[in-house]
């Protein structure tokens, strides 16, 4: 948090992309509250943990909603979805602890 973001020109050159693409991305980051402009200094990643957490929460909601819509289009109801999530959670927990479940 609080790090200086490269200029549009620097980022475009480093990524070998059009500066307009970088400018639009920077504008979106600022709109989302993830960056802030400081007069005469440039653009910086926000120092507000609250803004970052709010963004993460909104993004999690969008991802979860998309997932649920796709599962429902496949014909799965909440009991099925819940069972799949519990199974995945258990398997990932076992994998994190060096175990593979049968």
C-alpha atoms as a PDB file:
ATOM      1  CA  UNK A   1       0.000   0.000   0.000  1.00  0.00           C
ATOM      2  CA  UNK A   2       1.119   3.508  -0.756  1.00  0.00           C
ATOM      3  CA  UNK A   3       3.593   2.593  -3.505  1.00  0.00           C
ATOM      4  CA  UNK A   4       4.035   4.923  -6.463  1.00  0.00           C
ATOM      5  CA  UNK A   5       2.512   3.653  -9.688  1.00  0.00           C
ATOM      6  CA  UNK A   6       4.660   4.003 -12.831  1.00  0.00           C
ATOM      7  CA  UNK A   7       3.606   6.745 -15.241  1.00  0.00           C
ATOM      8  CA  UNK A   8       1.306   5.816 -18.114  1.00  0.00           C
ATOM      9  CA  UNK A   9       4.210   6.171 -20.535  1.00  0.00           C
ATOM     10  CA  UNK A  10       6.570   4.042 -18.395  1.00  0.00           C
ATOM     11  CA  UNK A  11       3.990   1.279 -17.955  1.00  0.00           C
ATOM     12  CA  UNK A  12       3.036   1.258 -21.642  1.00  0.00           C
ATOM     13  CA  UNK A  13       6.689   1.028 -22.634  1.00  0.00           C
ATOM     14  CA  UNK A  14       7.415  -1.752 -20.123  1.00  0.00           C
ATOM     15  CA  UNK A  15       4.386  -3.792 -21.256  1.00  0.00           C
ATOM     16  CA  UNK A  16       4.741  -2.840 -24.937  1.00  0.00           C
ATOM     17  CA  UNK A  17       1.094  -1.772 -25.152  1.00  0.00           C
ATOM     18  CA  UNK A  18      -0.758   1.343 -26.218  1.00  0.00           C
ATOM     19  CA  UNK A  19      -0.609   4.146 -23.625  1.00  0.00           C
ATOM     20  CA  UNK A  20      -4.390   4.608 -23.983  1.00  0.00           C
ATOM     21  CA  UNK A  21      -4.866   1.069 -22.650  1.00  0.00           C
ATOM     22  CA  UNK A  22      -2.780   1.892 -19.587  1.00  0.00           C
ATOM     23  CA  UNK A  23      -4.597   5.197 -19.107  1.00  0.00           C
ATOM     24  CA  UNK A  24      -7.986   3.438 -19.124  1.00  0.00           C
ATOM     25  CA  UNK A  25      -6.734   0.833 -16.649  1.00  0.00           C
ATOM     26  CA  UNK A  26      -5.390   3.562 -14.358  1.00  0.00           C
ATOM     27  CA  UNK A  27      -8.710   5.423 -14.559  1.00  0.00           C
ATOM     28  CA  UNK A  28     -10.549   2.256 -13.564  1.00  0.00           C
ATOM     29  CA  UNK A  29      -8.232   1.703 -10.607  1.00  0.00           C
ATOM     30  CA  UNK A  30      -8.846   5.269  -9.482  1.00  0.00           C
ATOM     31  CA  UNK A  31     -12.623   4.892  -9.919  1.00  0.00           C
ATOM     32  CA  UNK A  32     -12.486   1.756  -7.758  1.00  0.00           C
ATOM     33  CA  UNK A  33     -10.625   3.725  -5.089  1.00  0.00           C
ATOM     34  CA  UNK A  34      -7.486   1.613  -5.374  1.00  0.00           C
ATOM     35  CA  UNK A  35      -5.222   4.466  -6.454  1.00  0.00           C
ATOM     36  CA  UNK A  36      -5.050   8.139  -5.649  1.00  0.00           C
ATOM     37  CA  UNK A  37      -3.418  11.035  -7.471  1.00  0.00           C
ATOM     38  CA  UNK A  38      -1.138  13.329  -5.517  1.00  0.00           C
ATOM     39  CA  UNK A  39      -0.693  16.728  -7.056  1.00  0.00           C
ATOM     40  CA  UNK A  40       2.806  17.078  -8.479  1.00  0.00           C
ATOM     41  CA  UNK A  41       3.869  13.605  -7.274  1.00  0.00           C
ATOM     42  CA  UNK A  42       1.977  11.144  -9.447  1.00  0.00           C
ATOM     43  CA  UNK A  43      -0.363   8.258  -8.757  1.00  0.00           C
ATOM     44  CA  UNK A  44      -0.060   5.987  -5.738  1.00  0.00           C
ATOM     45  CA  UNK A  45      -1.709   2.802  -4.538  1.00  0.00           C
ATOM     46  CA  UNK A  46      -4.198   3.768  -1.857  1.00  0.00           C
ATOM     47  CA  UNK A  47      -3.046   3.649   1.745  1.00  0.00           C
ATOM     48  CA  UNK A  48      -6.595   2.912   2.897  1.00  0.00           C
ATOM     49  CA  UNK A  49      -6.941  -0.688   4.048  1.00  0.00           C
ATOM     50  CA  UNK A  50     -10.696  -0.065   4.252  1.00  0.00           C
ATOM     51  CA  UNK A  51     -10.909   0.825   0.524  1.00  0.00           C
ATOM     52  CA  UNK A  52      -8.947  -2.281  -0.431  1.00  0.00           C
ATOM     53  CA  UNK A  53     -11.088  -4.508   1.787  1.00  0.00           C
ATOM     54  CA  UNK A  54     -14.291  -2.983   0.367  1.00  0.00           C
ATOM     55  CA  UNK A  55     -13.054  -3.663  -3.151  1.00  0.00           C
ATOM     56  CA  UNK A  56     -12.173  -7.264  -2.246  1.00  0.00           C
ATOM     57  CA  UNK A  57     -15.627  -7.754  -0.736  1.00  0.00           C
ATOM     58  CA  UNK A  58     -17.373  -6.378  -3.850  1.00  0.00           C
ATOM     59  CA  UNK A  59     -15.241  -8.568  -6.090  1.00  0.00           C
ATOM     60  CA  UNK A  60     -15.942 -11.660  -3.960  1.00  0.00           C
ATOM     61  CA  UNK A  61     -19.669 -10.948  -4.205  1.00  0.00           C
ATOM     62  CA  UNK A  62     -19.477 -10.653  -8.012  1.00  0.00           C
ATOM     63  CA  UNK A  63     -17.452 -13.882  -8.341  1.00  0.00           C
ATOM     64  CA  UNK A  64     -19.790 -15.754  -6.005  1.00  0.00           C
ATOM     65  CA  UNK A  65     -22.874 -14.494  -7.810  1.00  0.00           C
ATOM     66  CA  UNK A  66     -21.415 -15.521 -11.201  1.00  0.00           C
ATOM     67  CA  UNK A  67     -20.562 -18.971  -9.838  1.00  0.00           C
ATOM     68  CA  UNK A  68     -24.053 -19.486  -8.411  1.00  0.00           C
ATOM     69  CA  UNK A  69     -25.723 -18.370 -11.648  1.00  0.00           C
ATOM     70  CA  UNK A  70     -23.618 -20.816 -13.676  1.00  0.00           C
ATOM     71  CA  UNK A  71     -24.347 -23.685 -11.290  1.00  0.00           C
ATOM     72  CA  UNK A  72     -28.069 -22.919 -11.406  1.00  0.00           C
ATOM     73  CA  UNK A  73     -27.983 -22.843 -15.228  1.00  0.00           C
ATOM     74  CA  UNK A  74     -26.458 -26.329 -15.034  1.00  0.00           C
ATOM     75  CA  UNK A  75     -29.492 -27.376 -13.012  1.00  0.00           C
ATOM     76  CA  UNK A  76     -27.904 -27.569  -9.568  1.00  0.00           C
ATOM     77  CA  UNK A  77     -29.761 -26.353  -6.495  1.00  0.00           C
ATOM     78  CA  UNK A  78     -28.376 -25.052  -3.235  1.00  0.00           C
ATOM     79  CA  UNK A  79     -28.002 -28.526  -1.595  1.00  0.00           C
ATOM     80  CA  UNK A  80     -25.844 -29.698  -4.537  1.00  0.00           C
ATOM     81  CA  UNK A  81     -23.805 -26.500  -4.625  1.00  0.00           C
ATOM     82  CA  UNK A  82     -23.236 -26.637  -0.878  1.00  0.00           C
ATOM     83  CA  UNK A  83     -22.111 -30.274  -1.108  1.00  0.00           C
ATOM     84  CA  UNK A  84     -19.630 -29.454  -3.907  1.00  0.00           C
ATOM     85  CA  UNK A  85     -18.208 -26.532  -1.939  1.00  0.00           C
ATOM     86  CA  UNK A  86     -17.813 -28.651   1.196  1.00  0.00           C
ATOM     87  CA  UNK A  87     -16.092 -31.401  -0.807  1.00  0.00           C
ATOM     88  CA  UNK A  88     -13.726 -28.915  -2.458  1.00  0.00           C
ATOM     89  CA  UNK A  89     -12.983 -27.261   0.850  1.00  0.00           C
ATOM     90  CA  UNK A  90     -12.106 -30.623   2.409  1.00  0.00           C
ATOM     91  CA  UNK A  91      -9.918 -31.650  -0.545  1.00  0.00           C
ATOM     92  CA  UNK A  92      -8.080 -28.339  -0.555  1.00  0.00           C
ATOM     93  CA  UNK A  93      -7.566 -28.575   3.181  1.00  0.00           C
ATOM     94  CA  UNK A  94      -6.139 -32.066   2.789  1.00  0.00           C
ATOM     95  CA  UNK A  95      -3.890 -30.884  -0.044  1.00  0.00           C
ATOM     96  CA  UNK A  96      -2.616 -27.969   2.058  1.00  0.00           C
ATOM     97  CA  UNK A  97      -1.661 -30.421   4.770  1.00  0.00           C
ATOM     98  CA  UNK A  98       0.123 -32.789   2.351  1.00  0.00           C
ATOM     99  CA  UNK A  99      -2.715 -35.307   2.270  1.00  0.00           C
ATOM    100  CA  UNK A 100      -4.780 -36.482  -0.678  1.00  0.00           C
ATOM    101  CA  UNK A 101      -8.261 -37.717   0.130  1.00  0.00           C
ATOM    102  CA  UNK A 102      -9.627 -40.888  -1.450  1.00  0.00           C
END
